[in-house]
N, C-alpha and C. Protein backbone atom coordinates (compact mmCIF):
# COMPACT_ATOMS: atom_id res chain seq x y z
N MET A 1 136.40 108.65 72.60
CA MET A 1 135.25 108.04 71.98
C MET A 1 135.10 106.63 72.54
N SER A 2 133.91 106.28 72.96
CA SER A 2 133.68 104.96 73.55
C SER A 2 133.61 103.90 72.47
N THR A 3 133.70 102.66 72.90
CA THR A 3 133.63 101.54 71.96
C THR A 3 132.25 101.49 71.31
N GLU A 4 131.25 101.83 72.10
CA GLU A 4 129.89 101.83 71.58
C GLU A 4 129.73 102.86 70.46
N GLN A 5 130.29 104.05 70.67
CA GLN A 5 130.19 105.10 69.65
C GLN A 5 130.97 104.72 68.40
N SER A 6 132.16 104.16 68.57
CA SER A 6 132.94 103.78 67.39
C SER A 6 132.26 102.64 66.64
N GLN A 7 131.63 101.71 67.36
CA GLN A 7 130.89 100.61 66.72
C GLN A 7 129.72 101.18 65.93
N SER A 8 129.03 102.17 66.52
CA SER A 8 127.90 102.80 65.85
C SER A 8 128.33 103.50 64.57
N ILE A 9 129.46 104.22 64.63
CA ILE A 9 129.97 104.92 63.45
C ILE A 9 130.36 103.91 62.37
N ARG A 10 131.00 102.80 62.79
CA ARG A 10 131.45 101.80 61.84
C ARG A 10 130.27 101.15 61.12
N ASN A 11 129.16 100.98 61.82
CA ASN A 11 128.01 100.29 61.25
C ASN A 11 127.07 101.20 60.47
N GLN A 12 127.36 102.49 60.45
CA GLN A 12 126.50 103.41 59.72
C GLN A 12 126.53 103.07 58.23
N ARG A 13 125.40 103.29 57.62
CA ARG A 13 125.31 103.07 56.19
C ARG A 13 124.78 104.33 55.54
N LEU A 14 125.11 104.47 54.29
CA LEU A 14 124.65 105.63 53.54
C LEU A 14 123.38 105.26 52.78
N PRO A 15 122.34 106.09 52.82
CA PRO A 15 121.11 105.76 52.10
C PRO A 15 121.30 105.91 50.59
N ASP A 16 120.65 105.02 49.85
CA ASP A 16 120.67 105.18 48.40
C ASP A 16 119.35 105.86 48.01
N GLN A 17 119.09 105.99 46.73
CA GLN A 17 117.91 106.72 46.28
C GLN A 17 116.61 106.00 46.63
N SER A 18 116.65 104.69 46.81
CA SER A 18 115.43 103.96 47.14
C SER A 18 115.15 103.97 48.63
N GLY A 19 116.04 104.59 49.43
CA GLY A 19 115.84 104.65 50.87
C GLY A 19 116.55 103.53 51.61
N ARG A 20 117.05 102.53 50.89
CA ARG A 20 117.79 101.45 51.55
C ARG A 20 119.15 101.97 51.98
N GLN A 21 119.75 101.33 52.93
CA GLN A 21 121.06 101.73 53.44
C GLN A 21 122.15 100.93 52.73
N ARG A 22 123.16 101.63 52.22
CA ARG A 22 124.30 101.00 51.54
C ARG A 22 125.46 100.88 52.52
N PRO A 23 126.14 99.74 52.53
CA PRO A 23 127.31 99.62 53.40
C PRO A 23 128.40 100.60 52.97
N ARG A 24 129.09 101.22 53.93
CA ARG A 24 130.17 102.15 53.62
C ARG A 24 131.34 101.38 53.00
N GLY A 25 132.04 102.05 52.12
CA GLY A 25 133.26 101.47 51.56
C GLY A 25 133.06 100.58 50.36
N THR A 26 131.81 100.31 49.97
CA THR A 26 131.62 99.41 48.83
C THR A 26 132.07 100.05 47.53
N ILE A 27 131.94 101.35 47.41
CA ILE A 27 132.40 102.03 46.18
C ILE A 27 133.90 101.89 46.05
N ALA A 28 134.64 102.11 47.13
CA ALA A 28 136.10 101.98 47.10
C ALA A 28 136.50 100.54 46.77
N SER A 29 135.83 99.57 47.39
CA SER A 29 136.12 98.16 47.11
C SER A 29 135.82 97.84 45.65
N LEU A 30 134.72 98.37 45.15
CA LEU A 30 134.33 98.11 43.77
C LEU A 30 135.33 98.71 42.79
N ILE A 31 135.72 99.95 43.02
CA ILE A 31 136.69 100.60 42.14
C ILE A 31 138.02 99.85 42.15
N PHE A 32 138.49 99.48 43.34
CA PHE A 32 139.75 98.75 43.46
C PHE A 32 139.66 97.40 42.75
N SER A 33 138.56 96.68 42.95
CA SER A 33 138.40 95.36 42.33
C SER A 33 138.34 95.44 40.81
N ILE A 34 137.60 96.42 40.31
CA ILE A 34 137.50 96.58 38.85
C ILE A 34 138.85 96.99 38.27
N ALA A 35 139.56 97.88 38.95
CA ALA A 35 140.88 98.31 38.47
C ALA A 35 141.86 97.13 38.44
N THR A 36 141.82 96.29 39.46
CA THR A 36 142.69 95.12 39.50
C THR A 36 142.35 94.16 38.36
N LEU A 37 141.06 93.92 38.15
CA LEU A 37 140.62 93.06 37.06
C LEU A 37 141.08 93.62 35.71
N ALA A 38 140.90 94.91 35.51
CA ALA A 38 141.31 95.54 34.24
C ALA A 38 142.82 95.45 34.04
N LEU A 39 143.58 95.70 35.10
CA LEU A 39 145.04 95.65 35.00
C LEU A 39 145.53 94.26 34.63
N PHE A 40 145.03 93.24 35.31
CA PHE A 40 145.46 91.88 35.00
C PHE A 40 145.00 91.45 33.61
N THR A 41 143.79 91.82 33.23
CA THR A 41 143.30 91.47 31.89
C THR A 41 144.17 92.12 30.83
N TRP A 42 144.50 93.38 31.01
CA TRP A 42 145.36 94.11 30.07
C TRP A 42 146.74 93.45 30.01
N GLN A 43 147.33 93.18 31.14
CA GLN A 43 148.67 92.61 31.17
C GLN A 43 148.72 91.20 30.57
N LEU A 44 147.69 90.41 30.83
CA LEU A 44 147.69 89.03 30.33
C LEU A 44 147.31 88.93 28.86
N SER A 45 146.74 90.00 28.30
CA SER A 45 146.35 89.95 26.89
C SER A 45 147.46 90.40 25.95
N GLY A 46 148.54 90.91 26.50
CA GLY A 46 149.62 91.40 25.65
C GLY A 46 149.43 92.88 25.39
N LEU A 47 150.41 93.47 24.78
CA LEU A 47 150.40 94.92 24.58
C LEU A 47 150.11 95.29 23.15
N VAL A 48 149.65 96.51 22.99
CA VAL A 48 149.39 97.05 21.67
C VAL A 48 150.65 97.74 21.15
N ASN A 49 151.35 98.45 22.04
CA ASN A 49 152.51 99.22 21.62
C ASN A 49 153.66 98.98 22.61
N ASN A 50 154.63 98.21 22.21
CA ASN A 50 155.76 97.89 23.08
C ASN A 50 156.63 99.09 23.40
N GLU A 51 156.53 100.14 22.62
CA GLU A 51 157.37 101.31 22.84
C GLU A 51 156.88 102.16 24.00
N THR A 52 155.57 102.25 24.18
CA THR A 52 155.03 103.14 25.21
C THR A 52 154.42 102.41 26.39
N GLN A 53 154.27 101.11 26.30
CA GLN A 53 153.67 100.33 27.38
C GLN A 53 154.68 99.31 27.90
N PHE A 54 154.49 98.89 29.12
CA PHE A 54 155.39 97.86 29.64
C PHE A 54 154.62 96.58 29.91
N GLN A 55 155.29 95.49 29.71
CA GLN A 55 154.71 94.17 29.89
C GLN A 55 155.39 93.49 31.07
N ALA A 56 154.72 93.47 32.21
CA ALA A 56 155.29 92.83 33.40
C ALA A 56 154.87 91.37 33.49
N LEU A 57 153.62 91.07 33.11
CA LEU A 57 153.13 89.69 33.21
C LEU A 57 153.28 88.99 31.86
N ASN A 58 153.45 87.70 31.95
CA ASN A 58 153.71 86.87 30.77
C ASN A 58 152.45 86.72 29.90
N PRO A 59 152.42 87.33 28.72
CA PRO A 59 151.24 87.19 27.85
C PRO A 59 151.15 85.80 27.23
N LEU A 60 152.22 85.01 27.31
CA LEU A 60 152.23 83.66 26.76
C LEU A 60 151.85 82.61 27.79
N LEU A 61 151.34 83.04 28.92
CA LEU A 61 150.89 82.15 29.97
C LEU A 61 149.80 81.24 29.40
N ALA A 62 149.77 80.00 29.84
CA ALA A 62 148.76 79.05 29.35
C ALA A 62 147.36 79.63 29.54
N PRO A 63 146.49 79.46 28.54
CA PRO A 63 145.14 80.05 28.61
C PRO A 63 144.36 79.66 29.87
N ILE A 64 144.53 78.45 30.37
CA ILE A 64 143.78 78.04 31.56
C ILE A 64 144.14 78.91 32.76
N TRP A 65 145.42 79.28 32.89
CA TRP A 65 145.84 80.14 34.00
C TRP A 65 145.24 81.53 33.85
N LYS A 66 145.23 82.04 32.62
CA LYS A 66 144.63 83.35 32.38
C LYS A 66 143.14 83.35 32.75
N ILE A 67 142.46 82.29 32.37
CA ILE A 67 141.02 82.17 32.66
C ILE A 67 140.79 82.11 34.16
N ILE A 68 141.59 81.33 34.86
CA ILE A 68 141.43 81.20 36.32
C ILE A 68 141.68 82.55 37.00
N ILE A 69 142.74 83.25 36.60
CA ILE A 69 143.07 84.54 37.21
C ILE A 69 141.93 85.54 36.99
N VAL A 70 141.49 85.67 35.75
CA VAL A 70 140.43 86.62 35.43
C VAL A 70 139.11 86.21 36.09
N ALA A 71 138.81 84.91 36.14
CA ALA A 71 137.57 84.44 36.77
C ALA A 71 137.56 84.75 38.27
N CYS A 72 138.68 84.56 38.93
CA CYS A 72 138.78 84.86 40.37
C CYS A 72 138.56 86.35 40.61
N LEU A 73 139.21 87.18 39.82
CA LEU A 73 139.05 88.62 39.98
C LEU A 73 137.62 89.06 39.64
N ALA A 74 137.04 88.45 38.62
CA ALA A 74 135.65 88.77 38.26
C ALA A 74 134.69 88.35 39.37
N ALA A 75 134.95 87.23 40.03
CA ALA A 75 134.11 86.78 41.14
C ALA A 75 134.16 87.78 42.29
N VAL A 76 135.32 88.36 42.54
CA VAL A 76 135.44 89.38 43.59
C VAL A 76 134.59 90.60 43.22
N VAL A 77 134.65 91.03 41.98
CA VAL A 77 133.85 92.18 41.53
C VAL A 77 132.36 91.87 41.69
N VAL A 78 131.96 90.68 41.28
CA VAL A 78 130.55 90.29 41.39
C VAL A 78 130.09 90.28 42.85
N CYS A 79 130.94 89.78 43.74
CA CYS A 79 130.59 89.78 45.18
C CYS A 79 130.33 91.19 45.69
N VAL A 80 131.20 92.12 45.32
CA VAL A 80 131.01 93.51 45.77
C VAL A 80 129.74 94.10 45.16
N LEU A 81 129.50 93.80 43.89
CA LEU A 81 128.28 94.30 43.24
C LEU A 81 127.02 93.75 43.91
N ILE A 82 127.04 92.47 44.23
CA ILE A 82 125.87 91.86 44.88
C ILE A 82 125.67 92.45 46.27
N ALA A 83 126.75 92.58 47.03
CA ALA A 83 126.65 93.17 48.37
C ALA A 83 126.09 94.59 48.28
N ARG A 84 126.53 95.32 47.29
CA ARG A 84 126.04 96.69 47.12
C ARG A 84 124.56 96.69 46.72
N ALA A 85 124.18 95.82 45.81
CA ALA A 85 122.79 95.76 45.38
C ALA A 85 121.86 95.32 46.51
N MET A 86 122.35 94.40 47.36
CA MET A 86 121.54 93.92 48.48
C MET A 86 121.63 94.84 49.70
N SER A 87 122.53 95.81 49.63
CA SER A 87 122.77 96.74 50.74
C SER A 87 123.31 96.05 51.98
N GLN A 88 123.92 94.90 51.79
CA GLN A 88 124.53 94.20 52.92
C GLN A 88 125.45 93.08 52.44
N TRP A 89 126.39 92.76 53.31
CA TRP A 89 127.24 91.59 53.08
C TRP A 89 126.60 90.43 53.83
N THR A 90 126.50 89.28 53.16
CA THR A 90 125.98 88.08 53.81
C THR A 90 127.14 87.11 53.99
N SER A 91 126.89 86.08 54.78
CA SER A 91 127.93 85.06 54.99
C SER A 91 128.30 84.38 53.68
N ALA A 92 127.31 84.13 52.83
CA ALA A 92 127.59 83.48 51.55
C ALA A 92 128.44 84.37 50.64
N ILE A 93 128.11 85.66 50.57
CA ILE A 93 128.89 86.58 49.73
C ILE A 93 130.31 86.68 50.27
N ALA A 94 130.45 86.79 51.58
CA ALA A 94 131.78 86.89 52.18
C ALA A 94 132.59 85.62 51.94
N ALA A 95 131.94 84.47 51.99
CA ALA A 95 132.65 83.20 51.76
C ALA A 95 133.13 83.09 50.32
N VAL A 96 132.26 83.42 49.37
CA VAL A 96 132.65 83.37 47.95
C VAL A 96 133.77 84.38 47.68
N ASN A 97 133.64 85.57 48.26
CA ASN A 97 134.66 86.61 48.11
C ASN A 97 136.01 86.11 48.64
N ALA A 98 136.00 85.51 49.83
CA ALA A 98 137.24 85.00 50.43
C ALA A 98 137.83 83.88 49.59
N LEU A 99 137.00 82.96 49.12
CA LEU A 99 137.50 81.86 48.28
C LEU A 99 138.10 82.38 46.98
N ALA A 100 137.44 83.35 46.36
CA ALA A 100 137.95 83.91 45.11
C ALA A 100 139.29 84.61 45.34
N ASN A 101 139.39 85.37 46.41
CA ASN A 101 140.64 86.05 46.74
C ASN A 101 141.76 85.06 47.03
N LEU A 102 141.47 84.05 47.81
CA LEU A 102 142.50 83.07 48.17
C LEU A 102 142.90 82.21 46.97
N ALA A 103 141.94 81.88 46.11
CA ALA A 103 142.28 81.14 44.89
C ALA A 103 143.17 81.98 43.98
N PHE A 104 142.82 83.26 43.83
CA PHE A 104 143.63 84.18 43.04
C PHE A 104 145.06 84.24 43.58
N ALA A 105 145.18 84.44 44.88
CA ALA A 105 146.51 84.53 45.50
C ALA A 105 147.28 83.22 45.32
N GLY A 106 146.60 82.10 45.47
CA GLY A 106 147.25 80.80 45.30
C GLY A 106 147.80 80.60 43.89
N VAL A 107 147.01 80.97 42.90
CA VAL A 107 147.44 80.84 41.51
C VAL A 107 148.62 81.77 41.22
N ILE A 108 148.52 83.01 41.67
CA ILE A 108 149.59 83.99 41.43
C ILE A 108 150.89 83.53 42.08
N ILE A 109 150.80 83.07 43.32
CA ILE A 109 152.00 82.61 44.04
C ILE A 109 152.60 81.41 43.34
N THR A 110 151.76 80.46 42.95
CA THR A 110 152.25 79.26 42.26
C THR A 110 152.97 79.62 40.97
N LEU A 111 152.33 80.46 40.15
CA LEU A 111 152.94 80.86 38.88
C LEU A 111 154.22 81.65 39.08
N ALA A 112 154.24 82.52 40.10
CA ALA A 112 155.44 83.31 40.36
C ALA A 112 156.59 82.40 40.80
N LEU A 113 156.30 81.44 41.65
CA LEU A 113 157.35 80.53 42.13
C LEU A 113 157.83 79.59 41.03
N MET A 114 156.95 79.27 40.09
CA MET A 114 157.34 78.43 38.96
C MET A 114 158.10 79.22 37.90
N GLY A 115 158.10 80.54 38.03
CA GLY A 115 158.78 81.38 37.05
C GLY A 115 157.98 81.62 35.79
N GLU A 116 156.67 81.38 35.85
CA GLU A 116 155.81 81.51 34.68
C GLU A 116 155.02 82.82 34.65
N LEU A 117 154.94 83.53 35.76
CA LEU A 117 154.05 84.68 35.84
C LEU A 117 154.57 85.91 35.11
N PHE A 118 155.84 86.18 35.24
CA PHE A 118 156.39 87.42 34.70
C PHE A 118 156.90 87.24 33.28
N ALA A 119 156.82 88.32 32.52
CA ALA A 119 157.26 88.31 31.12
C ALA A 119 158.75 87.97 31.08
N PRO A 120 159.15 87.14 30.12
CA PRO A 120 160.55 86.73 30.05
C PRO A 120 161.51 87.88 29.78
N GLY A 121 161.11 88.85 29.00
CA GLY A 121 161.96 90.01 28.71
C GLY A 121 161.13 91.25 28.81
N PRO A 122 161.28 92.01 29.89
CA PRO A 122 160.44 93.20 30.03
C PRO A 122 160.63 94.18 28.89
N THR A 123 159.54 94.83 28.51
CA THR A 123 159.61 95.78 27.40
C THR A 123 159.99 97.17 27.87
N ALA A 124 160.00 97.38 29.17
CA ALA A 124 160.42 98.67 29.72
C ALA A 124 161.28 98.40 30.94
N GLU A 125 162.25 99.20 31.14
CA GLU A 125 163.12 99.03 32.31
C GLU A 125 162.97 100.22 33.23
N PHE A 126 162.96 99.93 34.51
CA PHE A 126 162.95 100.97 35.53
C PHE A 126 164.33 100.96 36.16
N GLY A 127 165.23 101.71 35.59
CA GLY A 127 166.60 101.72 36.07
C GLY A 127 167.42 100.71 35.29
N PRO A 128 168.73 100.74 35.49
CA PRO A 128 169.60 99.84 34.73
C PRO A 128 169.38 98.37 35.10
N GLY A 129 169.07 97.57 34.11
CA GLY A 129 168.98 96.12 34.28
C GLY A 129 167.83 95.62 35.14
N THR A 130 166.75 96.37 35.26
CA THR A 130 165.62 95.92 36.06
C THR A 130 164.96 94.74 35.37
N ASP A 131 164.79 93.66 36.14
CA ASP A 131 164.12 92.47 35.64
C ASP A 131 162.89 92.25 36.52
N TRP A 132 161.72 92.03 35.92
CA TRP A 132 160.49 91.87 36.68
C TRP A 132 160.59 90.70 37.65
N ALA A 133 161.32 89.66 37.28
CA ALA A 133 161.45 88.50 38.16
C ALA A 133 162.17 88.87 39.46
N ASP A 134 162.98 89.92 39.43
CA ASP A 134 163.66 90.36 40.66
C ASP A 134 162.66 90.90 41.68
N LEU A 135 161.51 91.30 41.22
CA LEU A 135 160.49 91.87 42.10
C LEU A 135 159.47 90.82 42.56
N ARG A 136 159.78 89.55 42.30
CA ARG A 136 158.84 88.46 42.60
C ARG A 136 158.40 88.44 44.05
N GLU A 137 159.33 88.52 44.99
CA GLU A 137 158.98 88.44 46.41
C GLU A 137 158.09 89.61 46.83
N ILE A 138 158.41 90.80 46.36
CA ILE A 138 157.60 91.97 46.71
C ILE A 138 156.20 91.82 46.13
N PHE A 139 156.11 91.35 44.90
CA PHE A 139 154.83 91.15 44.24
C PHE A 139 154.00 90.11 44.99
N ILE A 140 154.63 89.00 45.39
CA ILE A 140 153.93 87.95 46.13
C ILE A 140 153.39 88.51 47.45
N LEU A 141 154.22 89.25 48.17
CA LEU A 141 153.76 89.85 49.44
C LEU A 141 152.58 90.80 49.21
N LEU A 142 152.66 91.59 48.16
CA LEU A 142 151.57 92.50 47.84
C LEU A 142 150.28 91.74 47.54
N VAL A 143 150.37 90.71 46.72
CA VAL A 143 149.19 89.91 46.36
C VAL A 143 148.59 89.24 47.59
N VAL A 144 149.43 88.66 48.43
CA VAL A 144 148.95 88.00 49.65
C VAL A 144 148.29 89.02 50.57
N GLY A 145 148.93 90.18 50.74
CA GLY A 145 148.36 91.21 51.60
C GLY A 145 147.00 91.68 51.12
N VAL A 146 146.88 91.94 49.84
CA VAL A 146 145.60 92.41 49.29
C VAL A 146 144.53 91.32 49.40
N ALA A 147 144.89 90.08 49.08
CA ALA A 147 143.92 88.99 49.16
C ALA A 147 143.43 88.78 50.59
N LEU A 148 144.34 88.81 51.55
CA LEU A 148 143.94 88.64 52.95
C LEU A 148 143.10 89.82 53.43
N TRP A 149 143.51 91.03 53.06
CA TRP A 149 142.74 92.21 53.47
C TRP A 149 141.34 92.15 52.88
N ASN A 150 141.24 91.89 51.58
CA ASN A 150 139.93 91.87 50.92
C ASN A 150 139.05 90.76 51.48
N SER A 151 139.62 89.59 51.74
CA SER A 151 138.86 88.48 52.31
C SER A 151 138.36 88.83 53.70
N SER A 152 139.25 89.33 54.54
CA SER A 152 138.86 89.65 55.92
C SER A 152 137.90 90.82 55.97
N ASP A 153 137.99 91.74 55.01
CA ASP A 153 137.09 92.88 54.98
C ASP A 153 135.64 92.42 54.77
N GLY A 154 135.42 91.50 53.85
CA GLY A 154 134.07 90.98 53.63
C GLY A 154 133.54 90.24 54.85
N VAL A 155 134.40 89.46 55.49
CA VAL A 155 134.00 88.73 56.70
C VAL A 155 133.69 89.72 57.82
N ARG A 156 134.53 90.74 57.98
CA ARG A 156 134.31 91.75 59.02
C ARG A 156 133.01 92.50 58.79
N ARG A 157 132.74 92.85 57.55
CA ARG A 157 131.51 93.58 57.25
C ARG A 157 130.28 92.72 57.58
N THR A 158 130.37 91.44 57.27
CA THR A 158 129.26 90.53 57.59
C THR A 158 129.05 90.46 59.09
N ARG A 159 130.13 90.30 59.83
CA ARG A 159 130.05 90.21 61.29
C ARG A 159 129.51 91.50 61.89
N ASP A 160 130.01 92.64 61.40
CA ASP A 160 129.57 93.93 61.92
C ASP A 160 128.07 94.16 61.68
N GLN A 161 127.59 93.71 60.55
CA GLN A 161 126.16 93.87 60.24
C GLN A 161 125.32 93.00 61.16
N LYS A 162 125.81 91.82 61.49
CA LYS A 162 125.05 90.92 62.37
C LYS A 162 125.02 91.43 63.80
N THR A 163 126.12 92.07 64.22
CA THR A 163 126.17 92.57 65.61
C THR A 163 125.62 93.97 65.73
N GLY A 164 125.50 94.67 64.60
CA GLY A 164 125.04 96.07 64.65
C GLY A 164 123.60 96.14 64.42
């Protein structure tokens, strides 16, 4: 397959009911973003039943940190919704998306390194003596990877639309 053909396939859009073309992958991005927002909101709000649910994140985190985390994730969801509604990613949407992702990652990394992010005593254990703080480095790498991927994805989509 030539580069021209692969570029053409990458830039294809799916028509919506109004006849406009929707960028590919926005549904997956939207579902992932909403799921991440829901997961963090649930974890930061505390649990309903300590017997059947596990608490990995600290529900006693200062309210300002909770607000910043949820606001960053909500901004990412809004960016995907706007891009989907406009049927395209713009430089402004990609920039806001990248800033929201990087701010989220920065806050999560800061809180994890300060020892404030994870619940002091997990309510569920995965194996003998599992402590959520032991998974800090893996969690940080995961957050950084997702934030960088999501940020670069919006920028790439904007660039591809301009060149396609």
